[in-house]
Amino acid sequence: QVQLVESGGGLVQAGGSLRLSCVVSGDIVSINYMGWYRQAPGKQRELVARITSGGSTNYADSVKGRFTISRDNAKNTVYLQMNSLKPEDTAVYYCKLRGAYQYWGQGTQVTVSS
C-alpha cells in the first residue's frame, strides 16, 4: 500500500519561508509525476507545483518565482520550498503521486499571517 506523509506546515508571518516535505512509502510501480496542491477554505483544490519523473517542473502562476519543488529519490521525498509567503498562500497543502493510480497525503496546514 502506498502512503504519502506530509510535514513542515505551520504558522509564519508574511514574507517568511517554509519547506514542506512529502515522504512516499510502499510498493510504487511507476511515477508519472508528483505534485503539491492546496485547498483554502471555501475554494477548490488547486495545483501549486508538479515535478515529472523526468524532472520537468511547472508551477501555478501565483507561486512562480517564490516556490520551488524538488525531490530526493534516495529518500523517496518531494519538497516544496516556499519563500516570500503571502496571506493568500494560507491553505491545507496536499502531496499527490500520479502513476498507474493516484495517491494523496493527508495534508498539512500552512497559515500566513499579515
Protein backbone atom coordinates (compact mmCIF):
# COMPACT_ATOMS: atom_id res chain seq x y z
CA GLN A 1 0.00 0.00 0.00
CA VAL A 2 1.34 3.40 -0.96
CA GLN A 3 1.42 6.12 1.68
CA LEU A 4 2.28 9.80 1.41
CA VAL A 5 3.05 11.71 4.59
CA GLU A 6 3.42 15.49 4.51
CA SER A 7 5.14 17.61 7.11
CA GLY A 8 6.55 21.09 7.53
CA GLY A 9 3.42 23.20 7.68
CA GLY A 10 2.84 25.80 10.33
CA LEU A 11 2.22 29.43 11.10
CA VAL A 12 4.51 32.03 9.55
CA GLN A 13 4.43 35.78 9.04
CA ALA A 14 4.06 37.28 5.61
CA GLY A 15 7.41 37.35 3.86
CA GLY A 16 8.61 34.26 5.68
CA SER A 17 9.52 30.81 4.41
CA LEU A 18 8.53 27.21 4.98
CA ARG A 19 9.66 23.93 3.48
CA LEU A 20 7.15 21.15 3.09
CA SER A 21 8.20 17.52 2.81
CA CYS A 22 6.32 14.54 1.43
CA VAL A 23 7.71 11.10 2.17
CA VAL A 24 6.48 8.27 -0.02
CA SER A 25 6.43 4.65 1.11
CA GLY A 26 5.04 1.42 -0.25
CA ASP A 27 5.14 -0.51 -3.49
CA ILE A 28 5.35 2.05 -6.24
CA VAL A 29 5.33 0.54 -9.69
CA SER A 30 5.70 3.75 -11.64
CA ILE A 31 5.51 7.50 -11.17
CA ASN A 32 4.35 9.92 -13.84
CA TYR A 33 4.64 12.93 -11.59
CA MET A 34 4.41 14.16 -8.04
CA GLY A 35 2.79 17.39 -7.11
CA TRP A 36 1.76 19.77 -4.39
CA TYR A 37 -1.79 21.03 -4.31
CA ARG A 38 -3.56 23.33 -1.89
CA GLN A 39 -7.08 23.99 -0.76
CA ALA A 40 -8.16 27.14 1.02
CA PRO A 41 -11.46 27.33 2.91
CA GLY A 42 -14.39 27.59 0.52
CA LYS A 43 -12.20 27.08 -2.54
CA GLN A 44 -11.40 24.20 -4.83
CA ARG A 45 -8.17 22.29 -4.56
CA GLU A 46 -5.61 23.71 -6.97
CA LEU A 47 -2.26 22.72 -8.36
CA VAL A 48 0.69 24.54 -6.81
CA ALA A 49 3.66 22.75 -8.37
CA ARG A 50 4.45 19.50 -10.10
CA ILE A 51 7.57 17.54 -10.97
CA THR A 52 7.62 14.75 -13.52
CA SER A 53 9.63 11.56 -13.42
CA GLY A 54 11.96 13.21 -15.90
CA GLY A 55 12.49 16.19 -13.64
CA SER A 56 10.39 18.75 -15.50
CA THR A 57 8.55 21.19 -13.29
CA ASN A 58 5.61 23.51 -13.63
CA TYR A 59 4.06 25.99 -11.25
CA ALA A 60 0.87 27.89 -10.72
CA ASP A 61 1.28 31.47 -11.87
CA SER A 62 0.55 32.69 -8.35
CA VAL A 63 3.66 30.98 -6.92
CA LYS A 64 6.18 31.29 -9.77
CA GLY A 65 9.43 32.77 -8.56
CA ARG A 66 8.54 32.14 -4.91
CA PHE A 67 8.06 28.37 -4.60
CA THR A 68 10.38 25.58 -5.71
CA ILE A 69 9.54 21.90 -5.99
CA SER A 70 12.32 19.34 -5.76
CA ARG A 71 12.83 15.69 -4.98
CA ASP A 72 15.34 13.38 -3.37
CA ASN A 73 14.91 9.96 -4.95
CA ALA A 74 17.20 8.31 -2.41
CA LYS A 75 14.89 9.45 0.37
CA ASN A 76 11.64 8.98 -1.57
CA THR A 77 10.84 12.56 -0.66
CA VAL A 78 9.44 15.54 -2.52
CA TYR A 79 9.88 19.04 -1.17
CA LEU A 80 8.18 22.37 -1.63
CA GLN A 81 10.31 25.34 -0.66
CA MET A 82 8.03 28.33 -0.12
CA ASN A 83 9.57 31.78 0.11
CA SER A 84 8.07 35.25 0.33
CA LEU A 85 4.86 33.79 1.68
CA LYS A 86 1.68 35.82 1.44
CA PRO A 87 -1.57 35.59 3.42
CA GLU A 88 -3.27 34.27 0.28
CA ASP A 89 -0.99 31.22 0.43
CA THR A 90 -2.87 30.09 3.53
CA ALA A 91 -4.34 26.66 2.82
CA VAL A 92 -4.04 22.97 3.50
CA TYR A 93 -1.27 21.65 1.28
CA TYR A 94 -1.53 18.14 -0.13
CA CYS A 95 1.03 15.92 -1.78
CA LYS A 96 -0.06 13.79 -4.71
CA LEU A 97 1.58 10.89 -6.53
CA ARG A 98 0.34 10.02 -10.01
CA GLY A 99 1.36 6.75 -11.52
CA ALA A 100 -0.85 3.86 -12.57
CA TYR A 101 -3.07 5.15 -9.77
CA GLN A 102 -3.09 8.36 -7.85
CA TYR A 103 -2.45 8.78 -4.17
CA TRP A 104 -2.88 11.70 -1.80
CA GLY A 105 -1.39 12.59 1.51
CA GLN A 106 -3.41 13.73 4.49
CA GLY A 107 -2.43 17.38 4.11
CA THR A 108 -0.52 19.89 6.18
CA GLN A 109 -1.82 23.29 7.23
CA VAL A 110 0.04 26.42 6.17
CA THR A 111 -1.10 29.69 7.72
CA VAL A 112 0.46 33.01 6.73
CA SER A 113 -0.33 35.96 8.95
CA SER A 114 -0.27 39.55 7.71
